[in-house]
Amino acid sequence: MPPSCKGIRRRWILGEATQALLAVTIIVSEVAPQCEAAEWSLAPSVGVKGVYNSNLLLTPLRHEHTYGYWVTPATEFAGKTERLEVSSRIAADFVGYLGGEDRRFTNAFAPVSVRYRTERDLLGFTGGFTRDNTLLGELQATGVVLSFAQRNQWTAHPTWTRSLTEKLSVQSSAQLSDTTYESDRLVDYRLVGGSGGFQYQFTERSQAQVSGSYVDFHTIDSPSPVRANFPGINMSLTHAFDESLTGTIYGGPRFLFSSTQTASGSIVARDTVWLAGARMTKNWERATVQVSASRDLVPSGLGLLIETNRGEVAGTYSVSEALTCSLDVVGVLTSGQTRLSTGGVFPDNRYVSVAPKLSWKFLEWWEAEVTYMYRWRGIDAAADSAQSHATTFMVTYHPPKLSFSR
């Protein structure tokens, strides 16, 4: 896309994002009263954070330390009736970096979650708008370091579950994701898909699911367009070993077809990719630990689908009512499943992050957080790896929650 056209699109996206934030605020604030919500609440907050990072871009090249600040106003909304549940958290990050990276940018988050239940049906919706930086959510999810750029993403995920018998139900869902980047070096893309299947409740503690799915991925206004689709089959089993220990295992094949248009012609590929995952959660009176591992196909701003092999261990422990500590360890091995939009081959990437955090509620409406994060990445095509050390200190003010009931 020409720079001028992409600039126009960026301004259009920002305008749409502003309208979306207002729309979510109005819809969420109006739905609960009109649906005779038994309870609804509004919880505003504002946080100020100081940041230090020894290698913000995770580059093996020579670099300087970076310092920054974040100001984060937010509002959480929740409404509930006997049938309807609505929740949202509208927030913004006003960010400034100094030192190695002199940047100013604004993030915005406007998610919404809706659940409506009847005697036999459960309708759900999750989605909204997210504007963040590629070095935040996308890096942590995929393990791939993209350029320092803002990402604008719209998502919609409606679901429907209908009970056929006491133990058997039918499920269906759809997904839509539209992602654009404020960088001419990254490629915008769109993801559309759906799934349907059955769920069977063997016992109060065990249930199984079988479903079929179809996903279509294509780049937008790319000099080398990429299109991929992958129908597949997925089976999962969830079992509660006791009241505090729950495990889930799932997996199935995806039949991948992809095509990349280059100056010399079209590159077509077919492959069968096996995706799988497992998750175990253990709860104690004061602590929670979750261990998970998964293999998935996800889109990237590089203009291709990538395969992520991801493992994560996350735990929290409440030392007291006011003091909580947590630890999150993530490891990701990433490889390409479609060719780069430039026609090249995507090298394998390895990424590790370790993030302990300490939260202290030192006054009734005040909370402080101290976080340290170590990150490491390596690329098969590069001789050197890169690492970074980051520390943040954040103070958040939570005014009294506004609660209403009817």
Foldseek 3Di string as FASTA:
>chain_A
DDLVVVVVVVVVLVVVQVVQQVVLVVCLVPPQVVVQFQKKWKWKKKKKKKKKKQCLLQDPDDFGIKIKMKIKIKMWMWTHDPFKIKIWMWMKIFMAMDDRDGDTDMKIDTWMWMWGDDPFKIKIKIWGKTKDWCSPPVCQVAVDRDPGWIKIKTKMKIKMWGDPDPFKIKIKIWIKMWMDIPDPQFWTKIKTKMKIWMKGDPDPFKIKIKMKMKMWMWTDPFPKIKIKMWIWIKMKMKGDPDPFKIKMKMKIKIWMWMWIQDPVGIDIDTDIDIKIKMKMWGDDPFKIKIKMWIWDWDDDRQNAIKIKTKIKIKMKGDPDPFKIKIKIKMKIWMATPDDGNNRHGAWIKIKIKIKIKMKGDPDPFKIKMKMKMKMKMDTPVDPDIGIMIMIMIMMMGIPDMGMDGD
